[in-house]
């Protein structure tokens, strides 16, 4: 158990420092670590935990706590939360002081504009990874594509999309 907690701490503290553009940017690496490298869960289990974390109220990085809890119970949840949010919070505090100190420098604008496409690409990779792990048949793939298009082109609240996808999955699989 101690080795697992140490592994969780090392993984999530590293991920903490890579989360440019928000927590979803680290999903591909988080999934790779917990599913492929350590084999603590399947890709479908990871995808289900991600869906649960997004549907629940609160911060969108609740998946960190759910992964920790799934792997090592309450201690795993505590370790992953501290490891994920501690290092990045400290780095943010230090960086903000430096960022404000150099607010009038032209290179600051170049750094910001260069990080935007990188962040967008990382978030898109996260979406593709979760979609791939979630889509087990043509119906699930169609739900994913349809939901992505609707979310992109309209202002429909995501909870309505979640409800619609749930109902399509329920009726489409003959459970109702």
N, C-alpha and C. Protein backbone atom coordinates (compact mmCIF):
# COMPACT_ATOMS: atom_id res chain seq x y z
N UNK A 1 0.82 -1.19 0.00
CA UNK A 1 0.00 0.00 0.00
C UNK A 1 0.87 1.26 0.00
N UNK A 2 1.97 1.25 0.76
CA UNK A 2 2.84 2.41 0.83
C UNK A 2 3.44 2.72 -0.53
N UNK A 3 3.85 1.67 -1.26
CA UNK A 3 4.41 1.87 -2.60
C UNK A 3 3.38 2.50 -3.54
N UNK A 4 2.14 2.06 -3.42
CA UNK A 4 1.08 2.62 -4.26
C UNK A 4 0.86 4.09 -3.94
N UNK A 5 0.84 4.43 -2.66
CA UNK A 5 0.66 5.83 -2.26
C UNK A 5 1.82 6.70 -2.74
N UNK A 6 3.03 6.18 -2.66
CA UNK A 6 4.19 6.93 -3.15
C UNK A 6 4.08 7.12 -4.67
N UNK A 7 3.69 6.06 -5.38
CA UNK A 7 3.52 6.16 -6.84
C UNK A 7 2.44 7.19 -7.19
N UNK A 8 1.33 7.16 -6.47
CA UNK A 8 0.27 8.14 -6.70
C UNK A 8 0.79 9.56 -6.47
N UNK A 9 1.53 9.75 -5.39
CA UNK A 9 2.07 11.08 -5.09
C UNK A 9 3.00 11.56 -6.20
N UNK A 10 3.89 10.70 -6.65
CA UNK A 10 4.84 11.09 -7.69
C UNK A 10 4.14 11.40 -9.01
N UNK A 11 3.18 10.57 -9.39
CA UNK A 11 2.45 10.80 -10.64
C UNK A 11 1.69 12.11 -10.59
N UNK A 12 0.90 12.31 -9.54
CA UNK A 12 0.03 13.48 -9.49
C UNK A 12 0.77 14.77 -9.19
N UNK A 13 1.92 14.70 -8.51
CA UNK A 13 2.69 15.93 -8.32
C UNK A 13 3.33 16.36 -9.63
N UNK A 14 3.74 15.40 -10.45
CA UNK A 14 4.26 15.75 -11.78
C UNK A 14 3.15 16.30 -12.67
N UNK A 15 1.99 15.66 -12.62
CA UNK A 15 0.86 16.15 -13.42
C UNK A 15 0.44 17.55 -12.99
N UNK A 16 0.58 17.82 -11.71
CA UNK A 16 0.23 19.13 -11.18
C UNK A 16 1.00 20.25 -11.89
N UNK A 17 2.25 19.98 -12.19
CA UNK A 17 3.09 21.00 -12.81
C UNK A 17 2.92 21.07 -14.33
N UNK A 18 2.16 20.14 -14.89
CA UNK A 18 1.94 20.12 -16.35
C UNK A 18 0.56 20.62 -16.75
N UNK A 19 -0.25 21.02 -15.82
CA UNK A 19 -1.67 21.32 -16.10
C UNK A 19 -1.88 22.71 -16.67
N UNK A 20 -1.16 23.05 -17.74
CA UNK A 20 -1.39 24.32 -18.42
C UNK A 20 -2.72 24.25 -19.14
N UNK A 21 -3.54 25.27 -19.00
CA UNK A 21 -4.82 25.30 -19.68
C UNK A 21 -5.91 24.61 -18.90
N UNK A 22 -5.64 24.30 -17.67
CA UNK A 22 -6.65 23.65 -16.84
C UNK A 22 -6.36 22.18 -16.65
N UNK A 23 -7.12 21.61 -15.78
CA UNK A 23 -6.90 20.21 -15.41
C UNK A 23 -7.12 19.22 -16.54
N UNK A 24 -8.04 19.52 -17.45
CA UNK A 24 -8.30 18.57 -18.53
C UNK A 24 -7.11 18.38 -19.45
N UNK A 25 -6.17 19.30 -19.42
CA UNK A 25 -4.98 19.18 -20.25
C UNK A 25 -4.11 17.99 -19.85
N UNK A 26 -4.22 17.54 -18.62
CA UNK A 26 -3.38 16.42 -18.16
C UNK A 26 -4.09 15.08 -18.25
N UNK A 27 -5.33 15.06 -18.72
CA UNK A 27 -6.07 13.79 -18.78
C UNK A 27 -5.38 12.70 -19.59
N UNK A 28 -4.80 13.00 -20.77
CA UNK A 28 -4.14 11.91 -21.50
C UNK A 28 -3.02 11.26 -20.70
N UNK A 29 -2.20 12.07 -20.06
CA UNK A 29 -1.09 11.49 -19.28
C UNK A 29 -1.61 10.81 -18.02
N UNK A 30 -2.62 11.37 -17.38
CA UNK A 30 -3.21 10.73 -16.21
C UNK A 30 -3.76 9.36 -16.60
N UNK A 31 -4.49 9.31 -17.70
CA UNK A 31 -5.07 8.05 -18.16
C UNK A 31 -3.96 7.06 -18.51
N UNK A 32 -2.91 7.53 -19.17
CA UNK A 32 -1.80 6.64 -19.54
C UNK A 32 -1.15 6.04 -18.29
N UNK A 33 -0.95 6.87 -17.28
CA UNK A 33 -0.30 6.40 -16.06
C UNK A 33 -1.15 5.38 -15.30
N UNK A 34 -2.42 5.71 -15.09
CA UNK A 34 -3.25 4.84 -14.24
C UNK A 34 -3.79 3.63 -14.99
N UNK A 35 -3.93 3.72 -16.31
CA UNK A 35 -4.48 2.60 -17.08
C UNK A 35 -3.37 1.75 -17.69
N UNK A 36 -2.46 2.38 -18.43
CA UNK A 36 -1.45 1.61 -19.16
C UNK A 36 -0.22 1.27 -18.33
N UNK A 37 0.34 2.27 -17.67
CA UNK A 37 1.60 2.05 -16.95
C UNK A 37 1.38 1.23 -15.68
N UNK A 38 0.47 1.65 -14.81
CA UNK A 38 0.28 0.98 -13.52
C UNK A 38 -0.87 -0.04 -13.53
N UNK A 39 -1.72 0.03 -14.54
CA UNK A 39 -2.84 -0.90 -14.69
C UNK A 39 -3.72 -0.98 -13.44
N UNK A 40 -3.99 0.19 -12.87
CA UNK A 40 -4.85 0.26 -11.69
C UNK A 40 -6.32 0.19 -12.07
N UNK A 41 -6.64 0.45 -13.35
CA UNK A 41 -8.02 0.38 -13.81
C UNK A 41 -8.00 0.27 -15.33
N UNK A 42 -9.16 -0.05 -15.88
CA UNK A 42 -9.29 -0.13 -17.34
C UNK A 42 -9.59 1.26 -17.91
N UNK A 43 -9.47 1.39 -19.22
CA UNK A 43 -9.79 2.65 -19.88
C UNK A 43 -11.26 3.00 -19.69
N UNK A 44 -12.13 1.99 -19.70
CA UNK A 44 -13.56 2.24 -19.49
C UNK A 44 -13.83 2.72 -18.07
N UNK A 45 -13.14 2.15 -17.09
CA UNK A 45 -13.30 2.61 -15.70
C UNK A 45 -12.83 4.05 -15.56
N UNK A 46 -11.71 4.37 -16.20
CA UNK A 46 -11.21 5.75 -16.15
C UNK A 46 -12.22 6.69 -16.78
N UNK A 47 -12.75 6.30 -17.92
CA UNK A 47 -13.74 7.12 -18.61
C UNK A 47 -14.99 7.31 -17.74
N UNK A 48 -15.42 6.26 -17.07
CA UNK A 48 -16.59 6.36 -16.19
C UNK A 48 -16.31 7.30 -15.01
N UNK A 49 -15.11 7.23 -14.44
CA UNK A 49 -14.75 8.14 -13.35
C UNK A 49 -14.71 9.58 -13.85
N UNK A 50 -14.22 9.76 -15.07
CA UNK A 50 -14.20 11.11 -15.64
C UNK A 50 -15.62 11.65 -15.81
N UNK A 51 -16.50 10.81 -16.34
CA UNK A 51 -17.90 11.24 -16.53
C UNK A 51 -18.53 11.59 -15.19
N UNK A 52 -18.30 10.76 -14.19
CA UNK A 52 -18.84 11.02 -12.86
C UNK A 52 -18.30 12.34 -12.30
N UNK A 53 -17.01 12.57 -12.49
CA UNK A 53 -16.41 13.80 -11.96
C UNK A 53 -16.95 15.04 -12.66
N UNK A 54 -17.29 14.92 -13.93
CA UNK A 54 -17.82 16.06 -14.68
C UNK A 54 -19.28 16.31 -14.36
N UNK A 55 -20.01 15.25 -14.05
CA UNK A 55 -21.44 15.40 -13.76
C UNK A 55 -21.69 15.92 -12.34
N UNK A 56 -20.75 15.66 -11.44
CA UNK A 56 -20.92 16.08 -10.05
C UNK A 56 -20.65 17.58 -9.91
N UNK A 57 -21.33 18.21 -8.96
CA UNK A 57 -21.03 19.63 -8.72
C UNK A 57 -19.63 19.79 -8.13
N UNK A 58 -19.05 20.92 -8.37
CA UNK A 58 -17.72 21.18 -7.83
C UNK A 58 -16.70 21.32 -8.93
N UNK A 59 -15.42 21.34 -8.56
CA UNK A 59 -14.36 21.55 -9.54
C UNK A 59 -14.27 20.41 -10.54
N UNK A 60 -13.84 20.74 -11.77
CA UNK A 60 -13.79 19.72 -12.80
C UNK A 60 -12.65 18.73 -12.61
N UNK A 61 -11.80 18.93 -11.64
CA UNK A 61 -10.71 18.00 -11.40
C UNK A 61 -11.01 17.01 -10.28
N UNK A 62 -12.29 16.77 -10.04
CA UNK A 62 -12.66 15.76 -9.05
C UNK A 62 -12.19 14.38 -9.47
N UNK A 63 -11.83 14.20 -10.74
CA UNK A 63 -11.33 12.91 -11.19
C UNK A 63 -10.07 12.52 -10.42
N UNK A 64 -9.28 13.51 -10.03
CA UNK A 64 -8.06 13.24 -9.26
C UNK A 64 -8.41 12.50 -7.98
N UNK A 65 -9.38 13.02 -7.25
CA UNK A 65 -9.79 12.38 -6.00
C UNK A 65 -10.41 11.01 -6.26
N UNK A 66 -11.21 10.90 -7.33
CA UNK A 66 -11.85 9.62 -7.64
C UNK A 66 -10.83 8.55 -8.02
N UNK A 67 -9.81 8.93 -8.77
CA UNK A 67 -8.75 7.98 -9.12
C UNK A 67 -8.02 7.53 -7.86
N UNK A 68 -7.65 8.49 -7.01
CA UNK A 68 -6.97 8.14 -5.76
C UNK A 68 -7.80 7.21 -4.90
N UNK A 69 -9.09 7.50 -4.79
CA UNK A 69 -9.99 6.66 -3.99
C UNK A 69 -10.13 5.27 -4.61
N UNK A 70 -10.25 5.20 -5.94
CA UNK A 70 -10.38 3.91 -6.63
C UNK A 70 -9.14 3.04 -6.42
N UNK A 71 -7.96 3.68 -6.45
CA UNK A 71 -6.71 2.94 -6.37
C UNK A 71 -6.35 2.57 -4.93
N UNK A 72 -6.54 3.49 -3.98
CA UNK A 72 -6.03 3.24 -2.62
C UNK A 72 -6.94 3.76 -1.52
N UNK A 73 -8.22 3.86 -1.79
CA UNK A 73 -9.16 4.25 -0.74
C UNK A 73 -8.98 5.70 -0.30
N UNK A 74 -9.35 5.95 0.96
CA UNK A 74 -9.32 7.31 1.49
C UNK A 74 -7.92 7.91 1.47
N UNK A 75 -6.91 7.11 1.80
CA UNK A 75 -5.53 7.62 1.79
C UNK A 75 -5.11 7.97 0.37
N UNK A 76 -5.51 7.17 -0.58
CA UNK A 76 -5.20 7.48 -1.98
C UNK A 76 -5.85 8.78 -2.42
N UNK A 77 -7.08 8.99 -1.98
CA UNK A 77 -7.78 10.22 -2.32
C UNK A 77 -7.05 11.43 -1.72
N UNK A 78 -6.63 11.33 -0.48
CA UNK A 78 -5.92 12.42 0.18
C UNK A 78 -4.58 12.69 -0.49
N UNK A 79 -3.83 11.63 -0.78
CA UNK A 79 -2.51 11.78 -1.39
C UNK A 79 -2.62 12.40 -2.78
N UNK A 80 -3.56 11.93 -3.60
CA UNK A 80 -3.67 12.48 -4.95
C UNK A 80 -4.12 13.94 -4.91
N UNK A 81 -5.01 14.29 -4.00
CA UNK A 81 -5.47 15.68 -3.90
C UNK A 81 -4.31 16.61 -3.51
N UNK A 82 -3.55 16.22 -2.51
CA UNK A 82 -2.41 17.04 -2.07
C UNK A 82 -1.37 17.13 -3.18
N UNK A 83 -1.08 15.99 -3.82
CA UNK A 83 -0.06 15.98 -4.87
C UNK A 83 -0.48 16.77 -6.09
N UNK A 84 -1.75 16.72 -6.45
CA UNK A 84 -2.22 17.43 -7.65
C UNK A 84 -2.34 18.93 -7.42
N UNK A 85 -2.83 19.33 -6.28
CA UNK A 85 -3.12 20.75 -6.07
C UNK A 85 -2.02 21.51 -5.34
N UNK A 86 -1.15 20.82 -4.60
CA UNK A 86 -0.10 21.50 -3.85
C UNK A 86 0.98 22.13 -4.71
N UNK A 87 1.71 21.33 -5.51
CA UNK A 87 2.81 21.91 -6.31
C UNK A 87 2.35 23.00 -7.27
N UNK A 88 1.24 22.79 -7.96
CA UNK A 88 0.78 23.81 -8.92
C UNK A 88 0.34 25.08 -8.21
N UNK A 89 -0.23 24.96 -7.03
CA UNK A 89 -0.62 26.16 -6.28
C UNK A 89 0.60 26.97 -5.87
N UNK A 90 1.62 26.29 -5.39
CA UNK A 90 2.86 26.99 -5.01
C UNK A 90 3.52 27.64 -6.22
N UNK A 91 3.58 26.91 -7.33
CA UNK A 91 4.16 27.45 -8.56
C UNK A 91 3.37 28.66 -9.06
N UNK A 92 2.05 28.60 -8.94
CA UNK A 92 1.20 29.71 -9.37
C UNK A 92 1.47 30.96 -8.54
N UNK A 93 1.60 30.80 -7.25
CA UNK A 93 1.88 31.94 -6.37
C UNK A 93 3.20 32.60 -6.75
N UNK A 94 4.24 31.80 -6.92
CA UNK A 94 5.55 32.33 -7.28
C UNK A 94 5.51 32.98 -8.67
N UNK A 95 4.86 32.30 -9.62
CA UNK A 95 4.78 32.81 -11.00
C UNK A 95 4.01 34.11 -11.09
N UNK A 96 2.94 34.23 -10.34
CA UNK A 96 2.15 35.46 -10.38
C UNK A 96 2.95 36.67 -9.91
N UNK A 97 3.77 36.47 -8.92
CA UNK A 97 4.62 37.58 -8.46
C UNK A 97 5.59 38.00 -9.57
N UNK A 98 6.21 37.02 -10.22
CA UNK A 98 7.14 37.33 -11.32
C UNK A 98 6.38 37.93 -12.51
N UNK A 99 5.22 37.40 -12.80
CA UNK A 99 4.41 37.86 -13.94
C UNK A 99 4.03 39.33 -13.76
N UNK A 100 3.64 39.69 -12.56
CA UNK A 100 3.27 41.08 -12.28
C UNK A 100 4.50 42.00 -12.34
N UNK A 101 5.62 41.49 -11.93
CA UNK A 101 6.84 42.29 -11.94
C UNK A 101 7.25 42.68 -13.36
N UNK A 102 6.96 41.79 -14.32
CA UNK A 102 7.35 42.03 -15.71
C UNK A 102 6.15 42.35 -16.60
N UNK A 103 5.10 42.95 -16.04
CA UNK A 103 3.86 43.16 -16.78
C UNK A 103 4.01 44.08 -17.98
N UNK A 104 5.01 44.92 -18.02
CA UNK A 104 5.19 45.84 -19.14
C UNK A 104 6.18 45.35 -20.18
N UNK A 105 6.69 44.18 -20.04
CA UNK A 105 7.68 43.65 -20.98
C UNK A 105 6.99 43.04 -22.20
N UNK A 106 7.50 43.28 -23.40
CA UNK A 106 6.84 42.76 -24.61
C UNK A 106 6.91 41.23 -24.72
N UNK A 107 7.92 40.60 -24.17
CA UNK A 107 8.03 39.15 -24.27
C UNK A 107 6.90 38.44 -23.55
N UNK A 108 6.30 39.11 -22.60
CA UNK A 108 5.19 38.50 -21.86
C UNK A 108 4.02 38.21 -22.80
N UNK A 109 3.72 39.12 -23.70
CA UNK A 109 2.64 38.93 -24.68
C UNK A 109 2.97 37.76 -25.60
N UNK A 110 4.23 37.65 -26.02
CA UNK A 110 4.62 36.55 -26.91
C UNK A 110 4.47 35.19 -26.23
N UNK A 111 4.83 35.13 -24.98
CA UNK A 111 4.67 33.89 -24.22
C UNK A 111 3.20 33.51 -24.13
N UNK A 112 2.37 34.48 -23.79
CA UNK A 112 0.93 34.21 -23.68
C UNK A 112 0.35 33.73 -25.00
N UNK A 113 0.67 34.42 -26.09
CA UNK A 113 0.10 34.03 -27.38
C UNK A 113 0.63 32.67 -27.84
N UNK A 114 1.84 32.32 -27.48
CA UNK A 114 2.39 31.01 -27.84
C UNK A 114 1.78 29.86 -27.05
N UNK A 115 1.33 30.15 -25.85
CA UNK A 115 0.76 29.10 -25.01
C UNK A 115 -0.69 28.77 -25.39
N UNK A 116 -1.39 29.68 -26.02
CA UNK A 116 -2.79 29.46 -26.36
C UNK A 116 -2.98 28.24 -27.28
N UNK A 117 -2.29 28.15 -28.42
CA UNK A 117 -2.51 26.98 -29.28
C UNK A 117 -2.03 25.67 -28.65
N UNK A 118 -0.96 25.75 -27.86
CA UNK A 118 -0.49 24.55 -27.18
C UNK A 118 -1.54 24.05 -26.20
N UNK A 119 -2.10 24.95 -25.44
CA UNK A 119 -3.15 24.59 -24.48
C UNK A 119 -4.36 24.03 -25.19
N UNK A 120 -4.78 24.66 -26.28
CA UNK A 120 -5.92 24.16 -27.04
C UNK A 120 -5.65 22.76 -27.58
N UNK A 121 -4.45 22.52 -28.06
CA UNK A 121 -4.10 21.19 -28.56
C UNK A 121 -4.11 20.13 -27.48
N UNK A 122 -3.61 20.46 -26.31
CA UNK A 122 -3.59 19.51 -25.20
C UNK A 122 -5.02 19.19 -24.75
N UNK A 123 -5.86 20.20 -24.67
CA UNK A 123 -7.26 19.97 -24.27
C UNK A 123 -7.97 19.13 -25.33
N UNK A 124 -7.71 19.38 -26.62
CA UNK A 124 -8.31 18.58 -27.70
C UNK A 124 -7.85 17.13 -27.61
N UNK A 125 -6.58 16.92 -27.30
CA UNK A 125 -6.08 15.56 -27.14
C UNK A 125 -6.78 14.85 -25.98
N UNK A 126 -7.05 15.59 -24.91
CA UNK A 126 -7.78 15.02 -23.77
C UNK A 126 -9.17 14.58 -24.19
N UNK A 127 -9.85 15.43 -24.94
CA UNK A 127 -11.20 15.09 -25.41
C UNK A 127 -11.17 13.85 -26.29
N UNK A 128 -10.20 13.78 -27.18
CA UNK A 128 -10.10 12.62 -28.08
C UNK A 128 -9.83 11.34 -27.29
N UNK A 129 -8.98 11.43 -26.28
CA UNK A 129 -8.65 10.26 -25.47
C UNK A 129 -9.88 9.74 -24.72
N UNK A 130 -10.61 10.63 -24.08
CA UNK A 130 -11.81 10.23 -23.33
C UNK A 130 -12.86 9.69 -24.29
N UNK A 131 -13.03 10.32 -25.44
CA UNK A 131 -14.01 9.84 -26.43
C UNK A 131 -13.65 8.44 -26.91
N UNK A 132 -12.39 8.22 -27.21
CA UNK A 132 -11.94 6.91 -27.69
C UNK A 132 -12.18 5.82 -26.64
N UNK A 133 -11.90 6.13 -25.39
CA UNK A 133 -12.09 5.15 -24.32
C UNK A 133 -13.57 4.89 -24.05
N UNK A 134 -14.42 5.85 -24.34
CA UNK A 134 -15.84 5.74 -24.03
C UNK A 134 -16.66 5.10 -25.14
N UNK A 135 -16.21 5.20 -26.36
CA UNK A 135 -17.01 4.77 -27.51
C UNK A 135 -16.74 3.31 -27.84
N UNK A 136 -17.63 2.45 -27.36
CA UNK A 136 -17.46 1.02 -27.58
C UNK A 136 -18.22 0.47 -28.77
N UNK A 137 -19.17 1.23 -29.30
CA UNK A 137 -19.93 0.78 -30.47
C UNK A 137 -20.38 1.99 -31.27
N UNK A 138 -21.08 1.74 -32.37
CA UNK A 138 -21.46 2.84 -33.26
C UNK A 138 -22.40 3.83 -32.57
N UNK A 139 -23.28 3.35 -31.69
CA UNK A 139 -24.22 4.24 -31.02
C UNK A 139 -23.49 5.21 -30.09
N UNK A 140 -22.54 4.68 -29.34
CA UNK A 140 -21.79 5.55 -28.42
C UNK A 140 -20.93 6.55 -29.19
N UNK A 141 -20.36 6.12 -30.31
CA UNK A 141 -19.59 7.04 -31.15
C UNK A 141 -20.49 8.13 -31.71
N UNK A 142 -21.69 7.76 -32.15
CA UNK A 142 -22.64 8.74 -32.67
C UNK A 142 -23.06 9.74 -31.59
N UNK A 143 -23.28 9.24 -30.37
CA UNK A 143 -23.64 10.14 -29.26
C UNK A 143 -22.50 11.13 -29.01
N UNK A 144 -21.27 10.65 -29.02
CA UNK A 144 -20.11 11.52 -28.80
C UNK A 144 -20.02 12.60 -29.87
N UNK A 145 -20.10 12.20 -31.12
CA UNK A 145 -19.99 13.17 -32.23
C UNK A 145 -21.13 14.18 -32.18
N UNK A 146 -22.36 13.68 -31.99
CA UNK A 146 -23.53 14.56 -31.94
C UNK A 146 -23.41 15.55 -30.78
N UNK A 147 -23.03 15.06 -29.62
CA UNK A 147 -22.89 15.93 -28.44
C UNK A 147 -21.81 16.98 -28.65
N UNK A 148 -20.68 16.57 -29.22
CA UNK A 148 -19.60 17.53 -29.47
C UNK A 148 -20.06 18.62 -30.44
N UNK A 149 -20.75 18.24 -31.49
CA UNK A 149 -21.24 19.23 -32.45
C UNK A 149 -22.25 20.19 -31.82
N UNK A 150 -23.19 19.65 -31.05
CA UNK A 150 -24.19 20.49 -30.41
C UNK A 150 -23.53 21.44 -29.40
N UNK A 151 -22.60 20.93 -28.61
CA UNK A 151 -21.91 21.77 -27.62
C UNK A 151 -21.10 22.87 -28.31
N UNK A 152 -20.53 22.55 -29.46
CA UNK A 152 -19.70 23.51 -30.17
C UNK A 152 -20.54 24.60 -30.84
N UNK A 153 -21.68 24.20 -31.41
CA UNK A 153 -22.46 25.12 -32.23
C UNK A 153 -23.59 25.84 -31.48
N UNK A 154 -23.93 25.42 -30.28
CA UNK A 154 -25.05 26.04 -29.57
C UNK A 154 -24.61 26.46 -28.17
N UNK A 155 -25.55 27.03 -27.46
CA UNK A 155 -25.29 27.44 -26.07
C UNK A 155 -26.11 26.58 -25.11
N UNK A 156 -26.43 25.37 -25.53
CA UNK A 156 -27.19 24.46 -24.67
C UNK A 156 -26.33 24.09 -23.47
N UNK A 157 -26.95 24.12 -22.30
CA UNK A 157 -26.23 23.79 -21.07
C UNK A 157 -25.76 22.33 -21.12
N UNK A 158 -24.52 22.05 -20.70
CA UNK A 158 -23.98 20.69 -20.74
C UNK A 158 -24.82 19.65 -19.99
N UNK A 159 -25.53 20.06 -18.94
CA UNK A 159 -26.37 19.08 -18.22
C UNK A 159 -27.48 18.54 -19.10
N UNK A 160 -28.02 19.38 -20.00
CA UNK A 160 -29.04 18.89 -20.93
C UNK A 160 -28.44 17.88 -21.90
N UNK A 161 -27.21 18.12 -22.31
CA UNK A 161 -26.53 17.17 -23.20
C UNK A 161 -26.25 15.86 -22.48
N UNK A 162 -25.86 15.95 -21.22
CA UNK A 162 -25.65 14.73 -20.43
C UNK A 162 -26.94 13.93 -20.31
N UNK A 163 -28.02 14.62 -20.03
CA UNK A 163 -29.32 13.96 -19.91
C UNK A 163 -29.72 13.31 -21.24
N UNK A 164 -29.56 14.04 -22.33
CA UNK A 164 -29.92 13.50 -23.65
C UNK A 164 -29.08 12.27 -23.98
N UNK A 165 -27.78 12.35 -23.74
CA UNK A 165 -26.91 11.20 -24.01
C UNK A 165 -27.28 10.01 -23.15
N UNK A 166 -27.64 10.25 -21.91
CA UNK A 166 -28.06 9.16 -21.01
C UNK A 166 -29.32 8.49 -21.53
N UNK A 167 -30.25 9.29 -21.95
CA UNK A 167 -31.52 8.73 -22.46
C UNK A 167 -31.32 7.96 -23.76
N UNK A 168 -30.51 8.51 -24.66
CA UNK A 168 -30.23 7.80 -25.92
C UNK A 168 -29.54 6.48 -25.62
N UNK A 169 -28.58 6.49 -24.70
CA UNK A 169 -27.89 5.25 -24.34
C UNK A 169 -28.84 4.25 -23.69
N UNK A 170 -29.70 4.74 -22.85
CA UNK A 170 -30.66 3.87 -22.16
C UNK A 170 -31.63 3.23 -23.14
N UNK A 171 -32.23 4.06 -23.99
CA UNK A 171 -33.22 3.54 -24.96
C UNK A 171 -32.52 2.78 -26.09
N UNK A 172 -31.35 3.26 -26.52
CA UNK A 172 -30.62 2.63 -27.63
C UNK A 172 -30.09 1.25 -27.31
N UNK A 173 -29.88 0.96 -26.07
CA UNK A 173 -29.39 -0.36 -25.66
C UNK A 173 -30.52 -1.27 -25.21
N UNK A 174 -31.76 -0.84 -25.42
CA UNK A 174 -32.90 -1.69 -25.13
C UNK A 174 -33.16 -1.91 -23.66
N UNK A 175 -32.70 -1.00 -22.80
CA UNK A 175 -32.92 -1.18 -21.37
C UNK A 175 -34.24 -0.61 -20.90
N UNK A 176 -34.91 0.15 -21.78
CA UNK A 176 -36.23 0.70 -21.43
C UNK A 176 -37.21 0.33 -22.52
